[in-house]
């Protein structure tokens, strides 16, 4: 059993297990003073999405389902550990968007979002011993300003391959903020982790100093 890092606010005997290799999510947790270990969840997201897409359920429910499945998959391999799964979906005009597969797809996606409001649904689930003990979903609404084709081309050149690393093709903490005329929602939700309710639960569980 590992000793808690004295430089964190984490007071549990073992670090939180993050069922993700997302550098952004790990950075958010560590910046908040949480000791973290990461695991690859190893779930087939497209296989989960396929039957869901034909069900007619709200797209935010998919974010919750994926977060749960990731947390549970790792929890079953890590008995006794508290495991955090998270996921994010993007919806615009009733259509779900995924991470662009290449630069051309990123340009097309940005053009499709231009001048419209889209919705980011970020979900988190905490599991222990194969059971979900907490879950939450949060939504942010983002207005993309009308984008000229020349700007999109320049933007993609400036941000490079990072345009492929997130659903929507942007990071609001970087140059991606220039795409927007208005943002209504929690900053952490936009980055893919509804952090404040997760922290509140961890304090209730006695994992964090209160």
N, C-alpha and C. Protein backbone atom coordinates (compact mmCIF):
# COMPACT_ATOMS: atom_id res chain seq x y z
N UNK A 1 0.84 -1.19 0.00
CA UNK A 1 0.00 0.00 0.00
C UNK A 1 0.88 1.24 0.00
N UNK A 2 0.65 2.15 -0.97
CA UNK A 2 1.51 3.32 -1.09
C UNK A 2 1.14 4.39 -0.08
N UNK A 3 2.13 5.18 0.31
CA UNK A 3 1.90 6.28 1.23
C UNK A 3 1.38 7.49 0.46
N UNK A 4 0.43 8.25 1.02
CA UNK A 4 -0.04 9.45 0.34
C UNK A 4 1.06 10.48 0.18
N UNK A 5 1.04 11.19 -0.91
CA UNK A 5 2.03 12.22 -1.19
C UNK A 5 1.80 13.40 -0.25
N UNK A 6 2.79 13.79 0.54
CA UNK A 6 2.59 14.89 1.48
C UNK A 6 2.37 16.23 0.80
N UNK A 7 2.69 16.30 -0.50
CA UNK A 7 2.51 17.56 -1.23
C UNK A 7 1.10 17.74 -1.74
N UNK A 8 0.20 16.75 -1.51
CA UNK A 8 -1.17 16.83 -1.99
C UNK A 8 -2.13 17.02 -0.82
N UNK A 9 -3.40 17.27 -1.16
CA UNK A 9 -4.47 17.32 -0.17
C UNK A 9 -5.16 15.98 -0.04
N UNK A 10 -4.63 14.99 -0.73
CA UNK A 10 -5.18 13.63 -0.72
C UNK A 10 -4.74 12.94 0.55
N UNK A 11 -5.69 12.46 1.35
CA UNK A 11 -5.34 11.86 2.63
C UNK A 11 -5.72 10.39 2.72
N UNK A 12 -6.21 9.81 1.60
CA UNK A 12 -6.50 8.38 1.56
C UNK A 12 -5.20 7.59 1.46
N UNK A 13 -5.26 6.30 1.79
CA UNK A 13 -4.06 5.46 1.80
C UNK A 13 -3.50 5.23 0.39
N UNK A 14 -4.39 5.17 -0.61
CA UNK A 14 -3.95 4.91 -1.97
C UNK A 14 -4.44 6.00 -2.90
N UNK A 15 -3.66 6.32 -3.94
CA UNK A 15 -4.07 7.36 -4.88
C UNK A 15 -5.37 7.01 -5.60
N UNK A 16 -6.05 8.02 -6.09
CA UNK A 16 -7.20 7.82 -6.95
C UNK A 16 -6.72 7.19 -8.26
N UNK A 17 -7.46 6.22 -8.77
CA UNK A 17 -7.14 5.61 -10.06
C UNK A 17 -7.98 6.31 -11.12
N UNK A 18 -7.33 6.88 -12.11
CA UNK A 18 -8.02 7.53 -13.22
C UNK A 18 -8.07 6.56 -14.39
N UNK A 19 -9.29 6.19 -14.78
CA UNK A 19 -9.47 5.24 -15.88
C UNK A 19 -9.40 5.98 -17.22
N UNK A 20 -8.24 6.57 -17.46
CA UNK A 20 -8.04 7.38 -18.66
C UNK A 20 -6.56 7.68 -18.79
N UNK A 21 -6.11 7.87 -20.01
CA UNK A 21 -4.74 8.33 -20.23
C UNK A 21 -4.73 9.79 -20.65
N UNK A 22 -5.86 10.49 -20.44
CA UNK A 22 -5.96 11.90 -20.80
C UNK A 22 -5.03 12.74 -19.93
N UNK A 23 -4.10 13.41 -20.58
CA UNK A 23 -3.19 14.29 -19.85
C UNK A 23 -3.95 15.47 -19.23
N UNK A 24 -4.96 15.98 -19.94
CA UNK A 24 -5.72 17.11 -19.42
C UNK A 24 -6.42 16.75 -18.12
N UNK A 25 -7.10 15.60 -18.09
CA UNK A 25 -7.81 15.21 -16.88
C UNK A 25 -6.84 14.95 -15.74
N UNK A 26 -5.73 14.30 -16.02
CA UNK A 26 -4.75 14.05 -14.95
C UNK A 26 -4.21 15.37 -14.42
N UNK A 27 -3.93 16.32 -15.31
CA UNK A 27 -3.42 17.61 -14.88
C UNK A 27 -4.42 18.34 -13.98
N UNK A 28 -5.71 18.27 -14.34
CA UNK A 28 -6.73 18.93 -13.53
C UNK A 28 -6.76 18.35 -12.12
N UNK A 29 -6.71 17.03 -12.03
CA UNK A 29 -6.76 16.37 -10.72
C UNK A 29 -5.52 16.68 -9.89
N UNK A 30 -4.36 16.59 -10.51
CA UNK A 30 -3.12 16.83 -9.76
C UNK A 30 -3.02 18.29 -9.34
N UNK A 31 -3.49 19.21 -10.20
CA UNK A 31 -3.47 20.64 -9.84
C UNK A 31 -4.38 20.91 -8.65
N UNK A 32 -5.41 20.07 -8.48
CA UNK A 32 -6.32 20.22 -7.35
C UNK A 32 -5.79 19.55 -6.08
N UNK A 33 -4.60 18.97 -6.15
CA UNK A 33 -4.00 18.37 -4.97
C UNK A 33 -4.36 16.92 -4.76
N UNK A 34 -4.73 16.22 -5.84
CA UNK A 34 -5.14 14.83 -5.74
C UNK A 34 -4.03 13.92 -6.25
N UNK A 35 -3.69 12.91 -5.48
CA UNK A 35 -2.72 11.90 -5.91
C UNK A 35 -3.42 10.96 -6.90
N UNK A 36 -2.81 10.75 -8.05
CA UNK A 36 -3.47 10.04 -9.15
C UNK A 36 -2.54 8.97 -9.73
N UNK A 37 -3.15 7.83 -10.06
CA UNK A 37 -2.53 6.82 -10.92
C UNK A 37 -3.45 6.62 -12.11
N UNK A 38 -2.89 6.42 -13.29
CA UNK A 38 -3.72 6.26 -14.49
C UNK A 38 -3.69 4.81 -14.97
N UNK A 39 -4.82 4.41 -15.54
CA UNK A 39 -4.95 3.10 -16.16
C UNK A 39 -5.68 3.26 -17.50
N UNK A 40 -5.31 2.45 -18.46
CA UNK A 40 -6.02 2.40 -19.73
C UNK A 40 -7.32 1.62 -19.51
N UNK A 41 -8.49 2.21 -19.76
CA UNK A 41 -9.74 1.48 -19.47
C UNK A 41 -9.96 0.27 -20.36
N UNK A 42 -9.51 0.34 -21.61
CA UNK A 42 -9.62 -0.82 -22.49
C UNK A 42 -11.03 -1.16 -22.90
N UNK A 43 -11.92 -0.14 -22.98
CA UNK A 43 -13.29 -0.39 -23.44
C UNK A 43 -13.41 0.02 -24.91
N UNK A 44 -14.27 -0.66 -25.65
CA UNK A 44 -14.52 -0.35 -27.05
C UNK A 44 -15.65 0.68 -27.11
N UNK A 45 -15.26 1.96 -27.21
CA UNK A 45 -16.25 3.03 -27.16
C UNK A 45 -17.23 2.96 -28.31
N UNK A 46 -16.75 2.64 -29.51
CA UNK A 46 -17.66 2.58 -30.66
C UNK A 46 -18.67 1.45 -30.49
N UNK A 47 -18.26 0.34 -29.90
CA UNK A 47 -19.19 -0.77 -29.67
C UNK A 47 -20.28 -0.37 -28.67
N UNK A 48 -19.93 0.46 -27.71
CA UNK A 48 -20.91 0.95 -26.74
C UNK A 48 -21.85 1.95 -27.40
N UNK A 49 -21.29 2.79 -28.27
CA UNK A 49 -22.07 3.85 -28.91
C UNK A 49 -23.08 3.31 -29.93
N UNK A 50 -22.72 2.24 -30.62
CA UNK A 50 -23.56 1.78 -31.73
C UNK A 50 -25.00 1.47 -31.32
N UNK A 51 -25.21 0.61 -30.30
CA UNK A 51 -26.61 0.38 -29.90
C UNK A 51 -27.24 1.60 -29.25
N UNK A 52 -26.43 2.42 -28.60
CA UNK A 52 -26.96 3.61 -27.96
C UNK A 52 -27.53 4.57 -29.01
N UNK A 53 -26.82 4.73 -30.12
CA UNK A 53 -27.22 5.71 -31.14
C UNK A 53 -28.60 5.42 -31.70
N UNK A 54 -28.97 4.13 -31.77
CA UNK A 54 -30.27 3.77 -32.32
C UNK A 54 -31.38 3.78 -31.27
N UNK A 55 -31.02 4.06 -30.02
CA UNK A 55 -32.01 4.03 -28.94
C UNK A 55 -32.82 5.31 -28.84
N UNK A 56 -32.29 6.41 -29.42
CA UNK A 56 -32.97 7.69 -29.33
C UNK A 56 -32.76 8.40 -28.01
N UNK A 57 -31.88 7.90 -27.16
CA UNK A 57 -31.60 8.51 -25.86
C UNK A 57 -30.80 9.80 -26.04
N UNK A 58 -30.92 10.74 -25.11
CA UNK A 58 -30.15 11.99 -25.20
C UNK A 58 -28.65 11.74 -25.25
N UNK A 59 -27.94 12.60 -26.00
CA UNK A 59 -26.50 12.40 -26.18
C UNK A 59 -25.74 12.53 -24.87
N UNK A 60 -26.27 13.34 -23.93
CA UNK A 60 -25.57 13.46 -22.65
C UNK A 60 -25.59 12.14 -21.88
N UNK A 61 -26.61 11.31 -22.14
CA UNK A 61 -26.66 10.00 -21.48
C UNK A 61 -25.51 9.10 -21.97
N UNK A 62 -25.07 9.31 -23.20
CA UNK A 62 -23.94 8.53 -23.71
C UNK A 62 -22.67 8.87 -22.95
N UNK A 63 -22.46 10.14 -22.65
CA UNK A 63 -21.28 10.53 -21.87
C UNK A 63 -21.29 9.82 -20.52
N UNK A 64 -22.47 9.76 -19.88
CA UNK A 64 -22.58 9.08 -18.59
C UNK A 64 -22.30 7.59 -18.73
N UNK A 65 -22.85 6.97 -19.78
CA UNK A 65 -22.65 5.54 -19.99
C UNK A 65 -21.18 5.22 -20.20
N UNK A 66 -20.50 6.01 -21.02
CA UNK A 66 -19.09 5.76 -21.28
C UNK A 66 -18.24 5.96 -20.02
N UNK A 67 -18.55 7.00 -19.24
CA UNK A 67 -17.82 7.23 -17.99
C UNK A 67 -17.99 6.05 -17.04
N UNK A 68 -19.23 5.55 -16.92
CA UNK A 68 -19.48 4.39 -16.06
C UNK A 68 -18.73 3.16 -16.52
N UNK A 69 -18.79 2.88 -17.82
CA UNK A 69 -18.15 1.68 -18.34
C UNK A 69 -16.63 1.72 -18.14
N UNK A 70 -16.03 2.89 -18.31
CA UNK A 70 -14.59 3.02 -18.09
C UNK A 70 -14.24 2.80 -16.62
N UNK A 71 -15.01 3.44 -15.72
CA UNK A 71 -14.74 3.28 -14.30
C UNK A 71 -14.91 1.83 -13.87
N UNK A 72 -15.98 1.18 -14.35
CA UNK A 72 -16.24 -0.20 -13.95
C UNK A 72 -15.19 -1.16 -14.50
N UNK A 73 -14.77 -0.94 -15.75
CA UNK A 73 -13.78 -1.83 -16.36
C UNK A 73 -12.49 -1.86 -15.56
N UNK A 74 -12.04 -0.69 -15.13
CA UNK A 74 -10.79 -0.62 -14.35
C UNK A 74 -11.04 -1.09 -12.92
N UNK A 75 -12.20 -0.75 -12.36
CA UNK A 75 -12.51 -1.13 -10.99
C UNK A 75 -12.48 -2.64 -10.81
N UNK A 76 -12.95 -3.38 -11.80
CA UNK A 76 -12.96 -4.85 -11.70
C UNK A 76 -11.54 -5.42 -11.67
N UNK A 77 -10.59 -4.65 -12.20
CA UNK A 77 -9.19 -5.11 -12.20
C UNK A 77 -8.41 -4.59 -11.00
N UNK A 78 -9.00 -3.65 -10.25
CA UNK A 78 -8.31 -3.00 -9.13
C UNK A 78 -9.16 -3.09 -7.88
N UNK A 79 -9.27 -4.28 -7.28
CA UNK A 79 -10.14 -4.44 -6.11
C UNK A 79 -9.75 -3.51 -4.97
N UNK A 80 -10.79 -2.93 -4.36
CA UNK A 80 -10.59 -2.04 -3.23
C UNK A 80 -10.24 -0.62 -3.58
N UNK A 81 -9.90 -0.36 -4.85
CA UNK A 81 -9.47 0.98 -5.25
C UNK A 81 -10.67 1.84 -5.69
N UNK A 82 -10.55 3.12 -5.47
CA UNK A 82 -11.53 4.08 -5.97
C UNK A 82 -11.10 4.52 -7.36
N UNK A 83 -11.97 4.32 -8.34
CA UNK A 83 -11.63 4.53 -9.76
C UNK A 83 -12.54 5.59 -10.36
N UNK A 84 -11.94 6.54 -11.05
CA UNK A 84 -12.67 7.62 -11.72
C UNK A 84 -12.66 7.41 -13.23
N UNK A 85 -13.85 7.33 -13.82
CA UNK A 85 -13.99 7.31 -15.26
C UNK A 85 -14.63 8.61 -15.71
N UNK A 86 -14.29 9.06 -16.90
CA UNK A 86 -14.85 10.31 -17.41
C UNK A 86 -14.97 10.23 -18.92
N UNK A 87 -15.93 10.96 -19.45
CA UNK A 87 -16.08 11.05 -20.89
C UNK A 87 -16.80 12.33 -21.25
N UNK A 88 -16.72 12.68 -22.53
CA UNK A 88 -17.34 13.92 -23.00
C UNK A 88 -17.93 13.69 -24.39
N UNK A 89 -19.12 14.22 -24.61
CA UNK A 89 -19.73 14.18 -25.93
C UNK A 89 -20.06 15.60 -26.37
N UNK A 90 -20.06 15.79 -27.69
CA UNK A 90 -20.38 17.10 -28.27
C UNK A 90 -21.58 16.95 -29.18
N UNK A 91 -22.55 17.85 -29.00
CA UNK A 91 -23.79 17.81 -29.76
C UNK A 91 -24.03 19.16 -30.40
N UNK A 92 -24.38 19.15 -31.69
CA UNK A 92 -24.73 20.39 -32.39
C UNK A 92 -25.86 20.07 -33.37
N UNK A 93 -26.96 20.77 -33.23
CA UNK A 93 -28.13 20.54 -34.09
C UNK A 93 -28.57 19.08 -34.09
N UNK A 94 -28.48 18.44 -32.91
CA UNK A 94 -28.91 17.06 -32.79
C UNK A 94 -27.93 16.04 -33.32
N UNK A 95 -26.78 16.48 -33.77
CA UNK A 95 -25.76 15.59 -34.32
C UNK A 95 -24.61 15.45 -33.34
N UNK A 96 -24.14 14.22 -33.19
CA UNK A 96 -22.99 13.99 -32.33
C UNK A 96 -21.70 14.10 -33.12
N UNK A 97 -20.72 14.78 -32.53
CA UNK A 97 -19.41 14.93 -33.15
C UNK A 97 -18.39 14.11 -32.37
N UNK A 98 -17.37 13.60 -33.09
CA UNK A 98 -16.26 12.88 -32.48
C UNK A 98 -14.96 13.64 -32.75
N UNK A 99 -13.89 13.16 -32.15
CA UNK A 99 -12.59 13.73 -32.46
C UNK A 99 -12.32 13.59 -33.96
N UNK A 100 -11.86 14.66 -34.62
CA UNK A 100 -11.56 14.54 -36.05
C UNK A 100 -10.43 13.54 -36.29
N UNK A 101 -10.55 12.78 -37.37
CA UNK A 101 -9.56 11.73 -37.64
C UNK A 101 -8.34 12.26 -38.38
N UNK A 102 -8.49 13.41 -39.04
CA UNK A 102 -7.35 13.99 -39.74
C UNK A 102 -7.61 15.49 -39.90
N UNK A 103 -6.66 16.20 -40.49
CA UNK A 103 -6.74 17.65 -40.61
C UNK A 103 -7.93 18.07 -41.46
N UNK A 104 -8.18 17.34 -42.54
CA UNK A 104 -9.32 17.68 -43.39
C UNK A 104 -10.63 17.55 -42.63
N UNK A 105 -10.74 16.49 -41.83
CA UNK A 105 -11.95 16.31 -41.02
C UNK A 105 -12.09 17.42 -39.99
N UNK A 106 -10.97 17.87 -39.44
CA UNK A 106 -11.00 18.96 -38.47
C UNK A 106 -11.52 20.25 -39.11
N UNK A 107 -11.06 20.55 -40.32
CA UNK A 107 -11.54 21.74 -41.02
C UNK A 107 -13.04 21.65 -41.27
N UNK A 108 -13.49 20.48 -41.72
CA UNK A 108 -14.92 20.29 -41.99
C UNK A 108 -15.75 20.42 -40.72
N UNK A 109 -15.22 19.91 -39.62
CA UNK A 109 -15.94 19.98 -38.36
C UNK A 109 -16.06 21.42 -37.87
N UNK A 110 -14.98 22.16 -37.97
CA UNK A 110 -15.02 23.56 -37.56
C UNK A 110 -15.99 24.36 -38.42
N UNK A 111 -16.03 24.04 -39.72
CA UNK A 111 -16.97 24.71 -40.61
C UNK A 111 -18.41 24.39 -40.21
N UNK A 112 -18.66 23.14 -39.79
CA UNK A 112 -20.00 22.73 -39.39
C UNK A 112 -20.43 23.41 -38.09
N UNK A 113 -19.47 23.73 -37.21
CA UNK A 113 -19.78 24.39 -35.95
C UNK A 113 -19.84 25.91 -36.07
N UNK A 114 -19.34 26.46 -37.17
CA UNK A 114 -19.26 27.90 -37.37
C UNK A 114 -20.63 28.57 -37.28
N UNK A 115 -20.70 29.61 -36.45
CA UNK A 115 -21.93 30.39 -36.32
C UNK A 115 -23.04 29.70 -35.55
N UNK A 116 -22.74 28.61 -34.87
CA UNK A 116 -23.76 27.83 -34.17
C UNK A 116 -23.41 27.64 -32.71
N UNK A 117 -24.42 27.26 -31.95
CA UNK A 117 -24.21 26.88 -30.55
C UNK A 117 -24.11 25.37 -30.46
N UNK A 118 -23.07 24.89 -29.78
CA UNK A 118 -22.99 23.45 -29.53
C UNK A 118 -22.90 23.20 -28.03
N UNK A 119 -23.11 21.95 -27.67
CA UNK A 119 -23.22 21.58 -26.26
C UNK A 119 -22.21 20.49 -25.93
N UNK A 120 -21.41 20.75 -24.91
CA UNK A 120 -20.46 19.76 -24.41
C UNK A 120 -21.03 19.12 -23.16
N UNK A 121 -21.18 17.81 -23.19
CA UNK A 121 -21.68 17.05 -22.04
C UNK A 121 -20.50 16.27 -21.45
N UNK A 122 -20.12 16.63 -20.23
CA UNK A 122 -19.00 15.95 -19.56
C UNK A 122 -19.53 15.16 -18.38
N UNK A 123 -19.16 13.89 -18.32
CA UNK A 123 -19.63 13.01 -17.27
C UNK A 123 -18.47 12.41 -16.51
N UNK A 124 -18.72 12.11 -15.23
CA UNK A 124 -17.74 11.42 -14.39
C UNK A 124 -18.46 10.36 -13.59
N UNK A 125 -17.78 9.25 -13.36
CA UNK A 125 -18.31 8.18 -12.52
C UNK A 125 -17.19 7.64 -11.65
N UNK A 126 -17.49 7.41 -10.40
CA UNK A 126 -16.55 6.79 -9.47
C UNK A 126 -17.06 5.40 -9.12
N UNK A 127 -16.16 4.42 -9.17
CA UNK A 127 -16.53 3.03 -8.88
C UNK A 127 -15.54 2.43 -7.90
N UNK A 128 -16.05 1.47 -7.16
CA UNK A 128 -15.20 0.68 -6.24
C UNK A 128 -15.71 -0.77 -6.26
N UNK A 129 -14.79 -1.70 -6.45
CA UNK A 129 -15.13 -3.13 -6.45
C UNK A 129 -16.27 -3.45 -7.43
N UNK A 130 -16.20 -2.86 -8.61
CA UNK A 130 -17.16 -3.18 -9.65
C UNK A 130 -18.54 -2.58 -9.48
N UNK A 131 -18.68 -1.57 -8.61
CA UNK A 131 -19.96 -0.90 -8.42
C UNK A 131 -19.77 0.61 -8.48
N UNK A 132 -20.68 1.29 -9.18
CA UNK A 132 -20.64 2.75 -9.26
C UNK A 132 -21.12 3.32 -7.93
N UNK A 133 -20.33 4.22 -7.35
CA UNK A 133 -20.68 4.82 -6.07
C UNK A 133 -21.05 6.30 -6.20
N UNK A 134 -20.74 6.88 -7.37
CA UNK A 134 -21.08 8.29 -7.61
C UNK A 134 -21.01 8.55 -9.09
N UNK A 135 -21.92 9.39 -9.60
CA UNK A 135 -21.83 9.82 -10.99
C UNK A 135 -22.47 11.19 -11.15
N UNK A 136 -22.00 11.91 -12.16
CA UNK A 136 -22.49 13.25 -12.41
C UNK A 136 -22.28 13.57 -13.89
N UNK A 137 -23.16 14.40 -14.45
CA UNK A 137 -22.97 14.91 -15.80
C UNK A 137 -23.25 16.41 -15.78
N UNK A 138 -22.46 17.14 -16.52
CA UNK A 138 -22.57 18.59 -16.58
C UNK A 138 -22.48 19.05 -18.03
N UNK A 139 -23.23 20.09 -18.37
CA UNK A 139 -23.29 20.57 -19.76
C UNK A 139 -22.85 22.02 -19.86
N UNK A 140 -22.08 22.32 -20.88
CA UNK A 140 -21.69 23.69 -21.20
C UNK A 140 -22.16 24.01 -22.61
N UNK A 141 -22.62 25.24 -22.82
CA UNK A 141 -23.09 25.69 -24.13
C UNK A 141 -22.08 26.69 -24.69
N UNK A 142 -21.64 26.46 -25.91
CA UNK A 142 -20.59 27.30 -26.51
C UNK A 142 -21.06 27.83 -27.86
N UNK A 143 -20.97 29.15 -28.04
CA UNK A 143 -21.32 29.79 -29.30
C UNK A 143 -20.06 30.02 -30.12
N UNK A 144 -19.98 29.36 -31.27
CA UNK A 144 -18.86 29.58 -32.19
C UNK A 144 -19.21 30.77 -33.08
N UNK A 145 -18.32 31.72 -33.16
CA UNK A 145 -18.56 32.88 -34.02
C UNK A 145 -18.49 32.44 -35.49
N UNK A 146 -19.09 33.19 -36.40
CA UNK A 146 -18.95 32.84 -37.83
C UNK A 146 -17.48 32.86 -38.23
N UNK A 147 -17.01 31.76 -38.78
CA UNK A 147 -15.59 31.60 -39.09
C UNK A 147 -15.35 31.68 -40.59
N UNK A 148 -14.47 32.56 -40.99
CA UNK A 148 -14.06 32.63 -42.39
C UNK A 148 -13.17 31.43 -42.71
N UNK A 149 -13.25 30.96 -43.93
CA UNK A 149 -12.44 29.80 -44.33
C UNK A 149 -10.96 30.06 -44.14
N UNK A 150 -10.51 31.29 -44.43
CA UNK A 150 -9.09 31.62 -44.28
C UNK A 150 -8.67 31.53 -42.81
N UNK A 151 -9.58 31.94 -41.90
CA UNK A 151 -9.24 31.84 -40.48
C UNK A 151 -9.12 30.38 -40.06
N UNK A 152 -10.05 29.53 -40.49
CA UNK A 152 -10.00 28.12 -40.14
C UNK A 152 -8.69 27.50 -40.61
N UNK A 153 -8.29 27.83 -41.84
CA UNK A 153 -7.04 27.30 -42.38
C UNK A 153 -5.86 27.76 -41.53
N UNK A 154 -5.84 29.03 -41.17
CA UNK A 154 -4.75 29.57 -40.36
C UNK A 154 -4.76 28.95 -38.96
N UNK A 155 -5.94 28.83 -38.38
CA UNK A 155 -6.06 28.26 -37.03
C UNK A 155 -5.50 26.83 -37.00
N UNK A 156 -5.87 26.03 -37.98
CA UNK A 156 -5.40 24.65 -38.02
C UNK A 156 -3.89 24.60 -38.19
N UNK A 157 -3.33 25.50 -38.97
CA UNK A 157 -1.88 25.57 -39.14
C UNK A 157 -1.20 25.92 -37.82
N UNK A 158 -1.79 26.85 -37.06
CA UNK A 158 -1.18 27.32 -35.81
C UNK A 158 -1.22 26.23 -34.73
N UNK A 159 -2.37 25.56 -34.57
CA UNK A 159 -2.49 24.60 -33.47
C UNK A 159 -1.94 23.22 -33.84
N UNK A 160 -1.79 22.94 -35.13
CA UNK A 160 -1.17 21.68 -35.56
C UNK A 160 -2.00 20.46 -35.18
N UNK A 161 -1.31 19.40 -34.80
CA UNK A 161 -1.98 18.13 -34.53
C UNK A 161 -2.86 18.17 -33.29
N UNK A 162 -2.74 19.20 -32.46
CA UNK A 162 -3.60 19.28 -31.29
C UNK A 162 -5.07 19.43 -31.68
N UNK A 163 -5.32 19.83 -32.93
CA UNK A 163 -6.70 19.94 -33.40
C UNK A 163 -7.37 18.57 -33.44
N UNK A 164 -6.57 17.50 -33.43
CA UNK A 164 -7.10 16.15 -33.49
C UNK A 164 -7.28 15.53 -32.10
N UNK A 165 -6.88 16.23 -31.07
CA UNK A 165 -6.80 15.61 -29.74
C UNK A 165 -8.05 15.80 -28.89
N UNK A 166 -9.03 16.56 -29.38
CA UNK A 166 -10.22 16.77 -28.58
C UNK A 166 -11.46 16.82 -29.47
N UNK A 167 -12.57 16.40 -28.91
CA UNK A 167 -13.83 16.52 -29.63
C UNK A 167 -14.10 18.01 -29.84
N UNK A 168 -14.44 18.40 -31.04
CA UNK A 168 -14.61 19.81 -31.36
C UNK A 168 -13.41 20.40 -32.05
N UNK A 169 -12.22 19.82 -31.83
CA UNK A 169 -11.03 20.31 -32.50
C UNK A 169 -10.44 21.58 -31.89
N UNK A 170 -10.65 21.79 -30.58
CA UNK A 170 -10.12 23.00 -29.95
C UNK A 170 -9.82 22.75 -28.48
N UNK A 171 -8.98 23.62 -27.93
CA UNK A 171 -8.74 23.68 -26.49
C UNK A 171 -8.99 25.14 -26.07
N UNK A 172 -9.98 25.36 -25.22
CA UNK A 172 -10.31 26.74 -24.85
C UNK A 172 -9.21 27.37 -24.00
N UNK A 173 -8.34 26.54 -23.41
CA UNK A 173 -7.24 27.09 -22.63
C UNK A 173 -6.09 27.54 -23.52
N UNK A 174 -6.24 27.39 -24.83
CA UNK A 174 -5.23 27.81 -25.79
C UNK A 174 -5.84 28.67 -26.87
N UNK A 175 -5.30 28.57 -28.09
CA UNK A 175 -5.77 29.39 -29.20
C UNK A 175 -7.21 29.10 -29.56
N UNK A 176 -7.74 27.95 -29.16
CA UNK A 176 -9.12 27.61 -29.47
C UNK A 176 -10.13 28.59 -28.92
N UNK A 177 -9.76 29.36 -27.90
CA UNK A 177 -10.70 30.33 -27.33
C UNK A 177 -11.09 31.38 -28.38
N UNK A 178 -10.27 31.57 -29.40
CA UNK A 178 -10.57 32.55 -30.43
C UNK A 178 -11.72 32.12 -31.35
N UNK A 179 -12.18 30.91 -31.22
CA UNK A 179 -13.29 30.43 -32.04
C UNK A 179 -14.64 30.93 -31.52
N UNK A 180 -14.69 31.44 -30.30
CA UNK A 180 -15.98 31.62 -29.64
C UNK A 180 -16.37 33.09 -29.43
N UNK A 181 -17.70 33.30 -29.49
CA UNK A 181 -18.26 34.61 -29.13
C UNK A 181 -18.86 34.59 -27.74
N UNK A 182 -19.24 33.40 -27.25
CA UNK A 182 -19.81 33.28 -25.90
C UNK A 182 -19.63 31.85 -25.41
N UNK A 183 -19.34 31.74 -24.13
CA UNK A 183 -19.23 30.43 -23.48
C UNK A 183 -20.04 30.47 -22.20
N UNK A 184 -20.96 29.54 -22.05
CA UNK A 184 -21.81 29.48 -20.87
C UNK A 184 -21.67 28.10 -20.24
N UNK A 185 -20.89 28.03 -19.18
CA UNK A 185 -20.70 26.73 -18.54
C UNK A 185 -19.44 26.70 -17.71
N UNK A 186 -19.32 25.64 -16.96
CA UNK A 186 -18.20 25.44 -16.06
C UNK A 186 -16.92 25.15 -16.85
N UNK A 187 -15.85 25.80 -16.48
CA UNK A 187 -14.56 25.64 -17.18
C UNK A 187 -14.11 24.18 -17.17
N UNK A 188 -14.26 23.50 -16.05
CA UNK A 188 -13.80 22.12 -15.95
C UNK A 188 -14.66 21.19 -16.81
N UNK A 189 -15.93 21.52 -16.91
CA UNK A 189 -16.81 20.76 -17.80
C UNK A 189 -16.33 20.84 -19.23
N UNK A 190 -15.93 22.02 -19.66
CA UNK A 190 -15.45 22.22 -21.02
C UNK A 190 -14.17 21.42 -21.25
N UNK A 191 -13.33 21.31 -20.23
CA UNK A 191 -12.10 20.54 -20.36
C UNK A 191 -12.31 19.03 -20.24
N UNK A 192 -13.53 18.60 -19.92
CA UNK A 192 -13.84 17.18 -19.95
C UNK A 192 -13.97 16.48 -18.62
N UNK A 193 -14.05 17.26 -17.52
CA UNK A 193 -14.20 16.64 -16.21
C UNK A 193 -14.96 17.58 -15.28
N UNK A 194 -16.19 17.22 -14.88
CA UNK A 194 -16.93 18.07 -13.93
C UNK A 194 -16.31 17.96 -12.53
N UNK A 195 -15.27 18.73 -12.32
CA UNK A 195 -14.37 18.52 -11.19
C UNK A 195 -14.99 18.85 -9.84
N UNK A 196 -15.75 19.94 -9.74
CA UNK A 196 -16.23 20.38 -8.43
C UNK A 196 -17.12 19.35 -7.75
N UNK A 197 -18.11 18.76 -8.42
CA UNK A 197 -18.89 17.71 -7.74
C UNK A 197 -18.07 16.47 -7.41
N UNK A 198 -17.06 16.15 -8.22
CA UNK A 198 -16.18 15.03 -7.90
C UNK A 198 -15.41 15.33 -6.61
N UNK A 199 -14.90 16.54 -6.49
CA UNK A 199 -14.17 16.92 -5.27
C UNK A 199 -15.09 16.85 -4.05
N UNK A 200 -16.34 17.31 -4.21
CA UNK A 200 -17.28 17.28 -3.08
C UNK A 200 -17.50 15.83 -2.61
N UNK A 201 -17.65 14.90 -3.54
CA UNK A 201 -17.83 13.51 -3.16
C UNK A 201 -16.59 12.96 -2.48
N UNK A 202 -15.42 13.28 -2.99
CA UNK A 202 -14.18 12.78 -2.39
C UNK A 202 -14.00 13.31 -0.97
N UNK A 203 -14.44 14.53 -0.71
CA UNK A 203 -14.40 15.05 0.67
C UNK A 203 -15.36 14.27 1.56
N UNK A 204 -16.56 13.97 1.04
CA UNK A 204 -17.52 13.18 1.81
C UNK A 204 -16.97 11.81 2.15
N UNK A 205 -16.18 11.25 1.22
CA UNK A 205 -15.60 9.92 1.43
C UNK A 205 -14.38 9.95 2.34
N UNK A 206 -13.93 11.14 2.72
CA UNK A 206 -12.76 11.25 3.59
C UNK A 206 -11.44 11.08 2.86
N UNK A 207 -11.47 11.20 1.52
CA UNK A 207 -10.23 11.08 0.73
C UNK A 207 -9.47 12.38 0.65
N UNK A 208 -10.17 13.50 0.85
CA UNK A 208 -9.56 14.82 0.75
C UNK A 208 -9.70 15.56 2.07
N UNK A 209 -8.73 16.41 2.34
CA UNK A 209 -8.83 17.26 3.52
C UNK A 209 -10.04 18.18 3.37
N UNK A 210 -10.76 18.38 4.47
CA UNK A 210 -11.98 19.20 4.40
C UNK A 210 -11.88 20.39 5.34
